[in-house]
Amino acid sequence: MAEKAVRDAVREGRLLEERVRKELRGQRLHTQYGLNPWGRVHAITKKPMSWHDHIEEAADATFLNVIHHAALEPTKKYPEPQTESQKIGWNTTPLIHMDRTDRRLYFPHQKTDITK
């Protein structure tokens, strides 16, 4: 049977020191906060009978642009797909114009006496 390695206080201290050093290396202090432009925007209604409804706030043009840009679908946000799964269905325009009078390329559903 294999014996467990006994950890002493010095070894525990070194492991803790290494762990703290690695955690501090990856931390960044963020001081500027803002709206996430990639998230969905949900409208929240105001409270009825509130005096806040009567105050008009001057909306910043850049803030409104960020809000409207975040609500767009991906094909209008980006010129090309950002992920592999977005490639499927990215181009929705047909490659050729469909002529419904041309029987070579158009096969509509036809009903017969049996299927009726």
PDB file of N, CA and C in Angstrom:
ATOM      1  N   MET A   1       0.832  -1.159   0.000  1.00  0.00           N
ATOM      2  CA  MET A   1       0.000   0.000   0.000  1.00  0.00           C
ATOM      3  C   MET A   1       0.893   1.244   0.000  1.00  0.00           C
ATOM      4  N   ALA A   2       0.580   2.181  -0.881  1.00  0.00           N
ATOM      5  CA  ALA A   2       1.398   3.394  -0.971  1.00  0.00           C
ATOM      6  C   ALA A   2       1.033   4.343   0.156  1.00  0.00           C
ATOM      7  N   GLU A   3       2.077   4.908   0.751  1.00  0.00           N
ATOM      8  CA  GLU A   3       1.850   5.843   1.843  1.00  0.00           C
ATOM      9  C   GLU A   3       1.671   7.253   1.282  1.00  0.00           C
ATOM     10  N   LYS A   4       0.800   8.036   1.913  1.00  0.00           N
ATOM     11  CA  LYS A   4       0.589   9.421   1.497  1.00  0.00           C
ATOM     12  C   LYS A   4       1.786  10.254   1.930  1.00  0.00           C
ATOM     13  N   ALA A   5       2.133  11.208   1.081  1.00  0.00           N
ATOM     14  CA  ALA A   5       3.237  12.096   1.418  1.00  0.00           C
ATOM     15  C   ALA A   5       2.772  13.051   2.513  1.00  0.00           C
ATOM     16  N   VAL A   6       3.576  13.154   3.538  1.00  0.00           N
ATOM     17  CA  VAL A   6       3.231  14.023   4.661  1.00  0.00           C
ATOM     18  C   VAL A   6       3.665  15.443   4.316  1.00  0.00           C
ATOM     19  N   ARG A   7       2.730  16.404   4.407  1.00  0.00           N
ATOM     20  CA  ARG A   7       3.029  17.797   4.103  1.00  0.00           C
ATOM     21  C   ARG A   7       3.314  18.524   5.412  1.00  0.00           C
ATOM     22  N   ASP A   8       4.418  19.193   5.449  1.00  0.00           N
ATOM     23  CA  ASP A   8       4.746  19.965   6.641  1.00  0.00           C
ATOM     24  C   ASP A   8       4.337  21.430   6.428  1.00  0.00           C
ATOM     25  N   ALA A   9       4.498  22.267   7.428  1.00  0.00           N
ATOM     26  CA  ALA A   9       4.052  23.659   7.387  1.00  0.00           C
ATOM     27  C   ALA A   9       4.833  24.474   6.352  1.00  0.00           C
ATOM     28  N   VAL A  10       6.111  24.166   6.159  1.00  0.00           N
ATOM     29  CA  VAL A  10       6.936  24.915   5.200  1.00  0.00           C
ATOM     30  C   VAL A  10       6.448  24.647   3.781  1.00  0.00           C
ATOM     31  N   ARG A  11       6.183  23.378   3.495  1.00  0.00           N
ATOM     32  CA  ARG A  11       5.692  23.010   2.160  1.00  0.00           C
ATOM     33  C   ARG A  11       4.323  23.624   1.898  1.00  0.00           C
ATOM     34  N   GLU A  12       3.439  23.606   2.879  1.00  0.00           N
ATOM     35  CA  GLU A  12       2.122  24.219   2.743  1.00  0.00           C
ATOM     36  C   GLU A  12       2.245  25.717   2.480  1.00  0.00           C
ATOM     37  N   GLY A  13       3.179  26.372   3.171  1.00  0.00           N
ATOM     38  CA  GLY A  13       3.401  27.804   2.970  1.00  0.00           C
ATOM     39  C   GLY A  13       3.889  28.128   1.573  1.00  0.00           C
ATOM     40  N   ARG A  14       4.786  27.294   1.050  1.00  0.00           N
ATOM     41  CA  ARG A  14       5.292  27.504  -0.315  1.00  0.00           C
ATOM     42  C   ARG A  14       4.191  27.314  -1.351  1.00  0.00           C
ATOM     43  N   LEU A  15       3.354  26.302  -1.153  1.00  0.00           N
ATOM     44  CA  LEU A  15       2.246  26.075  -2.086  1.00  0.00           C
ATOM     45  C   LEU A  15       1.253  27.235  -2.061  1.00  0.00           C
ATOM     46  N   LEU A  16       0.964  27.745  -0.868  1.00  0.00           N
ATOM     47  CA  LEU A  16       0.050  28.877  -0.748  1.00  0.00           C
ATOM     48  C   LEU A  16       0.643  30.121  -1.397  1.00  0.00           C
ATOM     49  N   GLU A  17       1.943  30.331  -1.193  1.00  0.00           N
ATOM     50  CA  GLU A  17       2.617  31.490  -1.788  1.00  0.00           C
ATOM     51  C   GLU A  17       2.582  31.414  -3.317  1.00  0.00           C
ATOM     52  N   GLU A  18       2.814  30.226  -3.872  1.00  0.00           N
ATOM     53  CA  GLU A  18       2.787  30.056  -5.321  1.00  0.00           C
ATOM     54  C   GLU A  18       1.383  30.291  -5.864  1.00  0.00           C
ATOM     55  N   ARG A  19       0.389  29.791  -5.168  1.00  0.00           N
ATOM     56  CA  ARG A  19      -0.996  29.961  -5.614  1.00  0.00           C
ATOM     57  C   ARG A  19      -1.398  31.432  -5.608  1.00  0.00           C
ATOM     58  N   VAL A  20      -1.046  32.158  -4.562  1.00  0.00           N
ATOM     59  CA  VAL A  20      -1.372  33.587  -4.476  1.00  0.00           C
ATOM     60  C   VAL A  20      -0.652  34.359  -5.572  1.00  0.00           C
ATOM     61  N   ARG A  21       0.606  34.018  -5.828  1.00  0.00           N
ATOM     62  CA  ARG A  21       1.371  34.692  -6.879  1.00  0.00           C
ATOM     63  C   ARG A  21       0.719  34.487  -8.243  1.00  0.00           C
ATOM     64  N   LYS A  22       0.258  33.273  -8.531  1.00  0.00           N
ATOM     65  CA  LYS A  22      -0.392  32.994  -9.816  1.00  0.00           C
ATOM     66  C   LYS A  22      -1.742  33.709  -9.928  1.00  0.00           C
ATOM     67  N   GLU A  23      -2.480  33.787  -8.827  1.00  0.00           N
ATOM     68  CA  GLU A  23      -3.765  34.483  -8.863  1.00  0.00           C
ATOM     69  C   GLU A  23      -3.586  35.977  -9.060  1.00  0.00           C
ATOM     70  N   LEU A  24      -2.595  36.573  -8.407  1.00  0.00           N
ATOM     71  CA  LEU A  24      -2.356  38.005  -8.552  1.00  0.00           C
ATOM     72  C   LEU A  24      -1.859  38.358  -9.950  1.00  0.00           C
ATOM     73  N   ARG A  25      -1.165  37.433 -10.585  1.00  0.00           N
ATOM     74  CA  ARG A  25      -0.656  37.677 -11.922  1.00  0.00           C
ATOM     75  C   ARG A  25      -1.790  37.828 -12.935  1.00  0.00           C
ATOM     76  N   GLY A  26      -2.903  37.133 -12.720  1.00  0.00           N
ATOM     77  CA  GLY A  26      -4.013  37.182 -13.657  1.00  0.00           C
ATOM     78  C   GLY A  26      -5.078  38.206 -13.341  1.00  0.00           C
ATOM     79  N   GLN A  27      -4.952  38.898 -12.212  1.00  0.00           N
ATOM     80  CA  GLN A  27      -5.976  39.875 -11.846  1.00  0.00           C
ATOM     81  C   GLN A  27      -5.706  41.225 -12.482  1.00  0.00           C
ATOM     82  N   ARG A  28      -6.803  41.897 -12.862  1.00  0.00           N
ATOM     83  CA  ARG A  28      -6.715  43.252 -13.385  1.00  0.00           C
ATOM     84  C   ARG A  28      -7.750  44.110 -12.663  1.00  0.00           C
ATOM     85  N   LEU A  29      -7.396  45.331 -12.381  1.00  0.00           N
ATOM     86  CA  LEU A  29      -8.306  46.245 -11.718  1.00  0.00           C
ATOM     87  C   LEU A  29      -9.072  47.016 -12.777  1.00  0.00           C
ATOM     88  N   HIS A  30     -10.394  46.890 -12.769  1.00  0.00           N
ATOM     89  CA  HIS A  30     -11.238  47.613 -13.715  1.00  0.00           C
ATOM     90  C   HIS A  30     -11.850  48.808 -13.003  1.00  0.00           C
ATOM     91  N   THR A  31     -11.657  49.995 -13.580  1.00  0.00           N
ATOM     92  CA  THR A  31     -12.217  51.210 -12.980  1.00  0.00           C
ATOM     93  C   THR A  31     -13.271  51.842 -13.858  1.00  0.00           C
ATOM     94  N   GLN A  32     -13.343  51.472 -15.137  1.00  0.00           N
ATOM     95  CA  GLN A  32     -14.359  52.018 -16.021  1.00  0.00           C
ATOM     96  C   GLN A  32     -15.378  50.921 -16.301  1.00  0.00           C
ATOM     97  N   TYR A  33     -16.622  51.251 -16.025  1.00  0.00           N
ATOM     98  CA  TYR A  33     -17.698  50.301 -16.247  1.00  0.00           C
ATOM     99  C   TYR A  33     -18.657  50.894 -17.269  1.00  0.00           C
ATOM    100  N   GLY A  34     -19.285  50.034 -18.028  1.00  0.00           N
ATOM    101  CA  GLY A  34     -20.223  50.511 -19.028  1.00  0.00           C
ATOM    102  C   GLY A  34     -21.188  49.412 -19.416  1.00  0.00           C
ATOM    103  N   LEU A  35     -21.987  49.698 -20.385  1.00  0.00           N
ATOM    104  CA  LEU A  35     -22.977  48.767 -20.884  1.00  0.00           C
ATOM    105  C   LEU A  35     -22.297  47.727 -21.765  1.00  0.00           C
ATOM    106  N   ASN A  36     -22.685  46.479 -21.611  1.00  0.00           N
ATOM    107  CA  ASN A  36     -22.144  45.425 -22.450  1.00  0.00           C
ATOM    108  C   ASN A  36     -22.771  45.536 -23.832  1.00  0.00           C
ATOM    109  N   PRO A  37     -22.009  45.902 -24.865  1.00  0.00           N
ATOM    110  CA  PRO A  37     -22.614  46.077 -26.193  1.00  0.00           C
ATOM    111  C   PRO A  37     -22.977  44.760 -26.865  1.00  0.00           C
ATOM    112  N   TRP A  38     -22.545  43.641 -26.344  1.00  0.00           N
ATOM    113  CA  TRP A  38     -22.824  42.356 -26.980  1.00  0.00           C
ATOM    114  C   TRP A  38     -24.041  41.669 -26.374  1.00  0.00           C
ATOM    115  N   GLY A  39     -24.546  42.166 -25.286  1.00  0.00           N
ATOM    116  CA  GLY A  39     -25.690  41.543 -24.631  1.00  0.00           C
ATOM    117  C   GLY A  39     -27.009  42.077 -25.158  1.00  0.00           C
ATOM    118  N   ARG A  40     -28.067  41.358 -24.893  1.00  0.00           N
ATOM    119  CA  ARG A  40     -29.390  41.795 -25.310  1.00  0.00           C
ATOM    120  C   ARG A  40     -29.857  42.922 -24.395  1.00  0.00           C
ATOM    121  N   VAL A  41     -30.637  43.819 -24.962  1.00  0.00           N
ATOM    122  CA  VAL A  41     -31.150  44.951 -24.214  1.00  0.00           C
ATOM    123  C   VAL A  41     -32.623  44.703 -23.931  1.00  0.00           C
ATOM    124  N   HIS A  42     -32.983  44.747 -22.667  1.00  0.00           N
ATOM    125  CA  HIS A  42     -34.371  44.561 -22.272  1.00  0.00           C
ATOM    126  C   HIS A  42     -34.912  45.879 -21.754  1.00  0.00           C
ATOM    127  N   ALA A  43     -36.082  46.227 -22.217  1.00  0.00           N
ATOM    128  CA  ALA A  43     -36.702  47.456 -21.756  1.00  0.00           C
ATOM    129  C   ALA A  43     -37.397  47.200 -20.424  1.00  0.00           C
ATOM    130  N   ILE A  44     -37.171  48.073 -19.482  1.00  0.00           N
ATOM    131  CA  ILE A  44     -37.803  47.958 -18.177  1.00  0.00           C
ATOM    132  C   ILE A  44     -38.784  49.114 -18.042  1.00  0.00           C
ATOM    133  N   THR A  45     -40.023  48.790 -17.751  1.00  0.00           N
ATOM    134  CA  THR A  45     -41.027  49.833 -17.624  1.00  0.00           C
ATOM    135  C   THR A  45     -40.854  50.571 -16.309  1.00  0.00           C
ATOM    136  N   LYS A  46     -41.270  51.812 -16.313  1.00  0.00           N
ATOM    137  CA  LYS A  46     -41.166  52.620 -15.109  1.00  0.00           C
ATOM    138  C   LYS A  46     -42.373  52.370 -14.214  1.00  0.00           C
ATOM    139  N   LYS A  47     -42.264  52.773 -12.986  1.00  0.00           N
ATOM    140  CA  LYS A  47     -43.350  52.589 -12.030  1.00  0.00           C
ATOM    141  C   LYS A  47     -44.488  53.546 -12.343  1.00  0.00           C
ATOM    142  N   PRO A  48     -45.714  53.086 -12.221  1.00  0.00           N
ATOM    143  CA  PRO A  48     -46.821  54.017 -12.426  1.00  0.00           C
ATOM    144  C   PRO A  48     -46.881  55.020 -11.272  1.00  0.00           C
ATOM    145  N   MET A  49     -47.367  56.179 -11.556  1.00  0.00           N
ATOM    146  CA  MET A  49     -47.522  57.256 -10.571  1.00  0.00           C
ATOM    147  C   MET A  49     -46.175  57.722 -10.016  1.00  0.00           C
ATOM    148  N   SER A  50     -45.109  57.550 -10.769  1.00  0.00           N
ATOM    149  CA  SER A  50     -43.793  57.962 -10.312  1.00  0.00           C
ATOM    150  C   SER A  50     -43.479  59.352 -10.851  1.00  0.00           C
ATOM    151  N   TRP A  51     -42.812  60.150 -10.063  1.00  0.00           N
ATOM    152  CA  TRP A  51     -42.459  61.495 -10.507  1.00  0.00           C
ATOM    153  C   TRP A  51     -41.280  61.461 -11.471  1.00  0.00           C
ATOM    154  N   HIS A  52     -40.604  60.296 -11.601  1.00  0.00           N
ATOM    155  CA  HIS A  52     -39.479  60.171 -12.522  1.00  0.00           C
ATOM    156  C   HIS A  52     -39.940  60.193 -13.975  1.00  0.00           C
ATOM    157  N   ASP A  53     -41.210  59.847 -14.206  1.00  0.00           N
ATOM    158  CA  ASP A  53     -41.710  59.824 -15.584  1.00  0.00           C
ATOM    159  C   ASP A  53     -41.783  61.208 -16.195  1.00  0.00           C
ATOM    160  N   HIS A  54     -41.882  62.222 -15.380  1.00  0.00           N
ATOM    161  CA  HIS A  54     -42.070  63.570 -15.891  1.00  0.00           C
ATOM    162  C   HIS A  54     -40.760  64.304 -16.126  1.00  0.00           C
ATOM    163  N   ILE A  55     -39.654  63.703 -15.754  1.00  0.00           N
ATOM    164  CA  ILE A  55     -38.341  64.327 -15.961  1.00  0.00           C
ATOM    165  C   ILE A  55     -37.772  63.800 -17.280  1.00  0.00           C
ATOM    166  N   GLU A  56     -37.434  64.716 -18.172  1.00  0.00           N
ATOM    167  CA  GLU A  56     -36.850  64.310 -19.444  1.00  0.00           C
ATOM    168  C   GLU A  56     -35.333  64.344 -19.312  1.00  0.00           C
ATOM    169  N   GLU A  57     -34.710  63.231 -19.628  1.00  0.00           N
ATOM    170  CA  GLU A  57     -33.263  63.146 -19.547  1.00  0.00           C
ATOM    171  C   GLU A  57     -32.676  63.318 -20.945  1.00  0.00           C
ATOM    172  N   ALA A  58     -31.603  64.048 -21.015  1.00  0.00           N
ATOM    173  CA  ALA A  58     -30.922  64.227 -22.297  1.00  0.00           C
ATOM    174  C   ALA A  58     -30.111  62.968 -22.584  1.00  0.00           C
ATOM    175  N   ALA A  59     -30.484  62.263 -23.635  1.00  0.00           N
ATOM    176  CA  ALA A  59     -29.805  61.016 -23.980  1.00  0.00           C
ATOM    177  C   ALA A  59     -28.566  61.313 -24.819  1.00  0.00           C
ATOM    178  N   ASP A  60     -27.491  60.650 -24.474  1.00  0.00           N
ATOM    179  CA  ASP A  60     -26.242  60.817 -25.204  1.00  0.00           C
ATOM    180  C   ASP A  60     -26.339  60.053 -26.521  1.00  0.00           C
ATOM    181  N   ALA A  61     -25.883  60.640 -27.604  1.00  0.00           N
ATOM    182  CA  ALA A  61     -25.992  60.018 -28.929  1.00  0.00           C
ATOM    183  C   ALA A  61     -25.156  58.742 -29.011  1.00  0.00           C
ATOM    184  N   THR A  62     -23.966  58.746 -28.422  1.00  0.00           N
ATOM    185  CA  THR A  62     -23.135  57.542 -28.489  1.00  0.00           C
ATOM    186  C   THR A  62     -23.746  56.414 -27.668  1.00  0.00           C
ATOM    187  N   PHE A  63     -24.362  56.764 -26.530  1.00  0.00           N
ATOM    188  CA  PHE A  63     -25.022  55.748 -25.707  1.00  0.00           C
ATOM    189  C   PHE A  63     -26.186  55.114 -26.468  1.00  0.00           C
ATOM    190  N   LEU A  64     -26.970  55.936 -27.165  1.00  0.00           N
ATOM    191  CA  LEU A  64     -28.083  55.406 -27.950  1.00  0.00           C
ATOM    192  C   LEU A  64     -27.585  54.532 -29.101  1.00  0.00           C
ATOM    193  N   ASN A  65     -26.472  54.928 -29.711  1.00  0.00           N
ATOM    194  CA  ASN A  65     -25.913  54.109 -30.790  1.00  0.00           C
ATOM    195  C   ASN A  65     -25.463  52.748 -30.279  1.00  0.00           C
ATOM    196  N   VAL A  66     -24.871  52.704 -29.084  1.00  0.00           N
ATOM    197  CA  VAL A  66     -24.439  51.428 -28.502  1.00  0.00           C
ATOM    198  C   VAL A  66     -25.653  50.552 -28.198  1.00  0.00           C
ATOM    199  N   ILE A  67     -26.707  51.156 -27.667  1.00  0.00           N
ATOM    200  CA  ILE A  67     -27.928  50.408 -27.356  1.00  0.00           C
ATOM    201  C   ILE A  67     -28.529  49.816 -28.624  1.00  0.00           C
ATOM    202  N   HIS A  68     -28.650  50.631 -29.656  1.00  0.00           N
ATOM    203  CA  HIS A  68     -29.256  50.148 -30.901  1.00  0.00           C
ATOM    204  C   HIS A  68     -28.369  49.119 -31.599  1.00  0.00           C
ATOM    205  N   HIS A  69     -27.056  49.295 -31.513  1.00  0.00           N
ATOM    206  CA  HIS A  69     -26.140  48.331 -32.131  1.00  0.00           C
ATOM    207  C   HIS A  69     -26.204  46.976 -31.416  1.00  0.00           C
ATOM    208  N   ALA A  70     -26.388  46.994 -30.102  1.00  0.00           N
ATOM    209  CA  ALA A  70     -26.452  45.746 -29.339  1.00  0.00           C
ATOM    210  C   ALA A  70     -27.716  44.963 -29.656  1.00  0.00           C
ATOM    211  N   ALA A  71     -28.770  45.643 -30.074  1.00  0.00           N
ATOM    212  CA  ALA A  71     -30.034  44.965 -30.359  1.00  0.00           C
ATOM    213  C   ALA A  71     -30.093  44.399 -31.778  1.00  0.00           C
ATOM    214  N   LEU A  72     -29.114  44.684 -32.610  1.00  0.00           N
ATOM    215  CA  LEU A  72     -29.138  44.191 -33.995  1.00  0.00           C
ATOM    216  C   LEU A  72     -28.822  42.702 -34.058  1.00  0.00           C
ATOM    217  N   GLU A  73     -29.270  42.067 -35.141  1.00  0.00           N
ATOM    218  CA  GLU A  73     -28.911  40.671 -35.349  1.00  0.00           C
ATOM    219  C   GLU A  73     -27.484  40.586 -35.888  1.00  0.00           C
ATOM    220  N   PRO A  74     -26.838  39.428 -35.743  1.00  0.00           N
ATOM    221  CA  PRO A  74     -25.411  39.313 -36.088  1.00  0.00           C
ATOM    222  C   PRO A  74     -25.076  39.662 -37.536  1.00  0.00           C
ATOM    223  N   THR A  75     -25.974  39.395 -38.487  1.00  0.00           N
ATOM    224  CA  THR A  75     -25.650  39.702 -39.886  1.00  0.00           C
ATOM    225  C   THR A  75     -25.569  41.200 -40.136  1.00  0.00           C
ATOM    226  N   LYS A  76     -26.227  41.996 -39.307  1.00  0.00           N
ATOM    227  CA  LYS A  76     -26.144  43.448 -39.456  1.00  0.00           C
ATOM    228  C   LYS A  76     -25.027  44.043 -38.601  1.00  0.00           C
ATOM    229  N   LYS A  77     -24.576  43.315 -37.585  1.00  0.00           N
ATOM    230  CA  LYS A  77     -23.492  43.811 -36.732  1.00  0.00           C
ATOM    231  C   LYS A  77     -22.130  43.609 -37.383  1.00  0.00           C
ATOM    232  N   TYR A  78     -21.923  42.442 -37.994  1.00  0.00           N
ATOM    233  CA  TYR A  78     -20.597  42.060 -38.466  1.00  0.00           C
ATOM    234  C   TYR A  78     -20.615  41.826 -39.976  1.00  0.00           C
ATOM    235  N   PRO A  79     -19.510  42.091 -40.672  1.00  0.00           N
ATOM    236  CA  PRO A  79     -19.474  41.827 -42.115  1.00  0.00           C
ATOM    237  C   PRO A  79     -19.325  40.342 -42.438  1.00  0.00           C
ATOM    238  N   GLU A  80     -18.795  39.559 -41.507  1.00  0.00           N
ATOM    239  CA  GLU A  80     -18.625  38.126 -41.739  1.00  0.00           C
ATOM    240  C   GLU A  80     -18.902  37.384 -40.436  1.00  0.00           C
ATOM    241  N   PRO A  81     -19.162  36.069 -40.493  1.00  0.00           N
ATOM    242  CA  PRO A  81     -19.477  35.322 -39.268  1.00  0.00           C
ATOM    243  C   PRO A  81     -18.311  35.322 -38.280  1.00  0.00           C
ATOM    244  N   GLN A  82     -18.636  35.394 -36.983  1.00  0.00           N
ATOM    245  CA  GLN A  82     -17.623  35.453 -35.939  1.00  0.00           C
ATOM    246  C   GLN A  82     -17.258  34.073 -35.405  1.00  0.00           C
ATOM    247  N   THR A  83     -18.161  33.110 -35.517  1.00  0.00           N
ATOM    248  CA  THR A  83     -17.908  31.755 -35.038  1.00  0.00           C
ATOM    249  C   THR A  83     -18.188  30.766 -36.161  1.00  0.00           C
ATOM    250  N   GLU A  84     -17.775  29.529 -35.949  1.00  0.00           N
ATOM    251  CA  GLU A  84     -18.013  28.489 -36.951  1.00  0.00           C
ATOM    252  C   GLU A  84     -19.492  28.180 -37.087  1.00  0.00           C
ATOM    253  N   SER A  85     -20.228  28.233 -35.981  1.00  0.00           N
ATOM    254  CA  SER A  85     -21.648  27.909 -36.057  1.00  0.00           C
ATOM    255  C   SER A  85     -22.445  29.019 -36.739  1.00  0.00           C
ATOM    256  N   GLN A  86     -21.930  30.236 -36.779  1.00  0.00           N
ATOM    257  CA  GLN A  86     -22.625  31.311 -37.478  1.00  0.00           C
ATOM    258  C   GLN A  86     -22.489  31.186 -38.994  1.00  0.00           C
ATOM    259  N   LYS A  87     -21.541  30.402 -39.469  1.00  0.00           N
ATOM    260  CA  LYS A  87     -21.368  30.254 -40.914  1.00  0.00           C
ATOM    261  C   LYS A  87     -22.568  29.576 -41.566  1.00  0.00           C
ATOM    262  N   ILE A  88     -23.235  28.707 -40.793  1.00  0.00           N
ATOM    263  CA  ILE A  88     -24.411  28.029 -41.325  1.00  0.00           C
ATOM    264  C   ILE A  88     -25.562  29.020 -41.314  1.00  0.00           C
ATOM    265  N   GLY A  89     -26.092  29.319 -42.480  1.00  0.00           N
ATOM    266  CA  GLY A  89     -27.211  30.235 -42.582  1.00  0.00           C
ATOM    267  C   GLY A  89     -26.830  31.700 -42.607  1.00  0.00           C
ATOM    268  N   TRP A  90     -25.545  32.027 -42.720  1.00  0.00           N
ATOM    269  CA  TRP A  90     -25.133  33.436 -42.735  1.00  0.00           C
ATOM    270  C   TRP A  90     -25.623  34.129 -44.002  1.00  0.00           C
ATOM    271  N   ASN A  91     -25.417  33.501 -45.155  1.00  0.00           N
ATOM    272  CA  ASN A  91     -25.887  34.062 -46.424  1.00  0.00           C
ATOM    273  C   ASN A  91     -27.271  33.500 -46.714  1.00  0.00           C
ATOM    274  N   THR A  92     -28.282  34.348 -46.602  1.00  0.00           N
ATOM    275  CA  THR A  92     -29.647  33.883 -46.806  1.00  0.00           C
ATOM    276  C   THR A  92     -30.212  34.291 -48.158  1.00  0.00           C
ATOM    277  N   THR A  93     -29.485  35.067 -48.916  1.00  0.00           N
ATOM    278  CA  THR A  93     -29.990  35.467 -50.231  1.00  0.00           C
ATOM    279  C   THR A  93     -29.790  34.317 -51.213  1.00  0.00           C
ATOM    280  N   PRO A  94     -30.777  34.049 -52.058  1.00  0.00           N
ATOM    281  CA  PRO A  94     -30.634  32.944 -53.018  1.00  0.00           C
ATOM    282  C   PRO A  94     -29.576  33.258 -54.072  1.00  0.00           C
ATOM    283  N   LEU A  95     -28.934  32.220 -54.550  1.00  0.00           N
ATOM    284  CA  LEU A  95     -27.870  32.408 -55.541  1.00  0.00           C
ATOM    285  C   LEU A  95     -28.434  32.773 -56.910  1.00  0.00           C
ATOM    286  N   ILE A  96     -29.586  32.229 -57.250  1.00  0.00           N
ATOM    287  CA  ILE A  96     -30.224  32.568 -58.522  1.00  0.00           C
ATOM    288  C   ILE A  96     -31.665  32.958 -58.255  1.00  0.00           C
ATOM    289  N   HIS A  97     -32.225  33.738 -59.157  1.00  0.00           N
ATOM    290  CA  HIS A  97     -33.619  34.137 -59.039  1.00  0.00           C
ATOM    291  C   HIS A  97     -34.509  32.944 -59.404  1.00  0.00           C
ATOM    292  N   MET A  98     -35.505  32.667 -58.572  1.00  0.00           N
ATOM    293  CA  MET A  98     -36.367  31.527 -58.831  1.00  0.00           C
ATOM    294  C   MET A  98     -37.520  31.951 -59.735  1.00  0.00           C
ATOM    295  N   ASP A  99     -37.573  31.344 -60.897  1.00  0.00           N
ATOM    296  CA  ASP A  99     -38.653  31.600 -61.842  1.00  0.00           C
ATOM    297  C   ASP A  99     -39.684  30.489 -61.681  1.00  0.00           C
ATOM    298  N   ARG A 100     -40.834  30.840 -61.145  1.00  0.00           N
ATOM    299  CA  ARG A 100     -41.848  29.812 -60.862  1.00  0.00           C
ATOM    300  C   ARG A 100     -42.551  29.297 -62.119  1.00  0.00           C
ATOM    301  N   THR A 101     -42.346  29.972 -63.239  1.00  0.00           N
ATOM    302  CA  THR A 101     -42.956  29.491 -64.475  1.00  0.00           C
ATOM    303  C   THR A 101     -42.066  28.459 -65.173  1.00  0.00           C
ATOM    304  N   ASP A 102     -40.806  28.384 -64.806  1.00  0.00           N
ATOM    305  CA  ASP A 102     -39.882  27.427 -65.422  1.00  0.00           C
ATOM    306  C   ASP A 102     -40.039  26.077 -64.743  1.00  0.00           C
ATOM    307  N   ARG A 103     -40.532  25.081 -65.441  1.00  0.00           N
ATOM    308  CA  ARG A 103     -40.791  23.757 -64.867  1.00  0.00           C
ATOM    309  C   ARG A 103     -39.527  22.921 -64.699  1.00  0.00           C
ATOM    310  N   ARG A 104     -38.401  23.390 -65.208  1.00  0.00           N
ATOM    311  CA  ARG A 104     -37.166  22.619 -65.054  1.00  0.00           C
ATOM    312  C   ARG A 104     -36.619  22.718 -63.634  1.00  0.00           C
ATOM    313  N   LEU A 105     -36.831  23.850 -62.964  1.00  0.00           N
ATOM    314  CA  LEU A 105     -36.254  24.062 -61.644  1.00  0.00           C
ATOM    315  C   LEU A 105     -37.297  24.190 -60.532  1.00  0.00           C
ATOM    316  N   TYR A 106     -38.573  24.286 -60.869  1.00  0.00           N
ATOM    317  CA  TYR A 106     -39.615  24.484 -59.873  1.00  0.00           C
ATOM    318  C   TYR A 106     -40.547  23.284 -59.858  1.00  0.00           C
ATOM    319  N   PHE A 107     -40.614  22.629 -58.697  1.00  0.00           N
ATOM    320  CA  PHE A 107     -41.444  21.442 -58.556  1.00  0.00           C
ATOM    321  C   PHE A 107     -42.432  21.653 -57.404  1.00  0.00           C
ATOM    322  N   PRO A 108     -43.587  22.256 -57.670  1.00  0.00           N
ATOM    323  CA  PRO A 108     -44.533  22.485 -56.575  1.00  0.00           C
ATOM    324  C   PRO A 108     -45.224  21.183 -56.176  1.00  0.00           C
ATOM    325  N   HIS A 109     -45.835  21.205 -54.982  1.00  0.00           N
ATOM    326  CA  HIS A 109     -46.598  20.037 -54.533  1.00  0.00           C
ATOM    327  C   HIS A 109     -47.813  19.870 -55.427  1.00  0.00           C
ATOM    328  N   GLN A 110     -48.036  18.657 -55.874  1.00  0.00           N
ATOM    329  CA  GLN A 110     -49.191  18.391 -56.715  1.00  0.00           C
ATOM    330  C   GLN A 110     -50.081  17.390 -56.006  1.00  0.00           C
ATOM    331  N   LYS A 111     -51.368  17.649 -56.045  1.00  0.00           N
ATOM    332  CA  LYS A 111     -52.333  16.749 -55.407  1.00  0.00           C
ATOM    333  C   LYS A 111     -52.945  15.846 -56.461  1.00  0.00           C
ATOM    334  N   THR A 112     -53.080  14.607 -56.084  1.00  0.00           N
ATOM    335  CA  THR A 112     -53.755  13.644 -56.945  1.00  0.00           C
ATOM    336  C   THR A 112     -55.017  13.178 -56.239  1.00  0.00           C
ATOM    337  N   ASP A 113     -55.755  12.283 -56.879  1.00  0.00           N
ATOM    338  CA  ASP A 113     -56.985  11.777 -56.270  1.00  0.00           C
ATOM    339  C   ASP A 113     -56.685  11.004 -54.984  1.00  0.00           C
ATOM    340  N   ILE A 114     -55.537  10.347 -54.952  1.00  0.00           N
ATOM    341  CA  ILE A 114     -55.196   9.531 -53.765  1.00  0.00           C
ATOM    342  C   ILE A 114     -54.824  10.431 -52.588  1.00  0.00           C
ATOM    343  N   THR A 115     -54.049  11.488 -52.841  1.00  0.00           N
ATOM    344  CA  THR A 115     -53.613  12.356 -51.741  1.00  0.00           C
ATOM    345  C   THR A 115     -54.691  13.341 -51.296  1.00  0.00           C
ATOM    346  N   LYS A 116     -55.698  13.574 -52.105  1.00  0.00           N
ATOM    347  CA  LYS A 116     -56.777  14.458 -51.697  1.00  0.00           C
ATOM    348  C   LYS A 116     -57.584  13.753 -50.664  1.00  0.00           C
TER     349      LYS A 116
END
